[in-house]
Amino acid sequence: MGLEPIALAMVVIWGWAEAVMAVAVAKAVAVIKLFIDVLLMVSSFESLEKRSRSDGNEPLRLF
């Protein structure tokens, strides 16, 4: 016989909601990855900057 209209609508809405959630999760993961990449880039830049400022005899300062 097939699905009743209400059941069919629920299946369609459920599928749409899953697709929307998948896109939202993918965007959240991309934003978190971008944030981590920026933090790593900044920390490596600061590390290079500190190394270039220090003498050969002077120990590296962390702060």
Protein backbone atom coordinates (compact mmCIF):
# COMPACT_ATOMS: atom_id res chain seq x y z
CA MET A 1 0.00 0.00 0.00
CA GLY A 2 2.75 2.53 0.78
CA LEU A 3 3.40 5.10 3.42
CA GLU A 4 0.65 7.36 4.62
CA PRO A 5 1.11 11.06 3.83
CA ILE A 6 1.98 11.99 7.43
CA ALA A 7 4.56 9.20 7.69
CA LEU A 8 6.02 10.19 4.33
CA ALA A 9 6.24 13.83 5.45
CA MET A 10 7.98 12.73 8.66
CA VAL A 11 10.52 10.70 6.66
CA VAL A 12 11.19 13.65 4.35
CA ILE A 13 11.56 16.09 7.27
CA TRP A 14 13.82 13.63 9.13
CA GLY A 15 16.08 13.25 6.07
CA TRP A 16 16.20 17.01 5.56
CA ALA A 17 17.06 17.56 9.24
CA GLU A 18 19.87 14.99 9.02
CA ALA A 19 21.28 16.73 5.94
CA VAL A 20 21.15 20.13 7.66
CA MET A 21 22.87 18.71 10.75
CA ALA A 22 25.57 17.08 8.61
CA VAL A 23 26.30 20.42 6.94
CA ALA A 24 26.33 22.21 10.31
CA VAL A 25 28.76 19.67 11.77
CA ALA A 26 31.01 19.90 8.70
CA LYS A 27 31.09 23.70 8.98
CA ALA A 28 31.84 23.53 12.70
CA VAL A 29 34.71 21.11 12.09
CA ALA A 30 36.08 23.37 9.34
CA VAL A 31 35.96 26.43 11.63
CA ILE A 32 37.68 24.55 14.47
CA LYS A 33 40.38 23.29 12.07
CA LEU A 34 40.93 26.82 10.76
CA PHE A 35 41.23 28.14 14.33
CA ILE A 36 43.80 25.46 15.21
CA ASP A 37 45.76 26.16 12.01
CA VAL A 38 45.87 29.88 12.82
CA LEU A 39 47.02 29.17 16.38
CA LEU A 40 49.78 26.88 15.12
CA MET A 41 50.86 29.46 12.54
CA VAL A 42 51.01 32.23 15.15
CA SER A 43 52.91 30.08 17.65
CA SER A 44 55.47 29.01 15.03
CA PHE A 45 55.90 32.64 13.94
CA GLU A 46 56.47 33.73 17.55
CA SER A 47 58.97 30.91 18.01
CA LEU A 48 60.91 32.00 14.92
CA GLU A 49 60.79 35.62 16.06
CA LYS A 50 62.19 34.74 19.50
CA ARG A 51 64.96 32.65 17.98
CA SER A 52 66.02 35.46 15.67
CA ARG A 53 66.19 37.96 18.56
CA SER A 54 68.32 35.83 20.88
CA ASP A 55 72.12 35.62 20.74
CA GLY A 56 73.96 32.35 20.47
CA ASN A 57 74.99 32.61 24.15
CA GLU A 58 71.69 33.84 25.52
CA PRO A 59 69.08 31.18 26.38
CA LEU A 60 65.66 31.47 24.77
CA ARG A 61 63.11 33.39 26.79
CA LEU A 62 59.65 31.87 26.75
CA PHE A 63 57.80 35.02 27.80
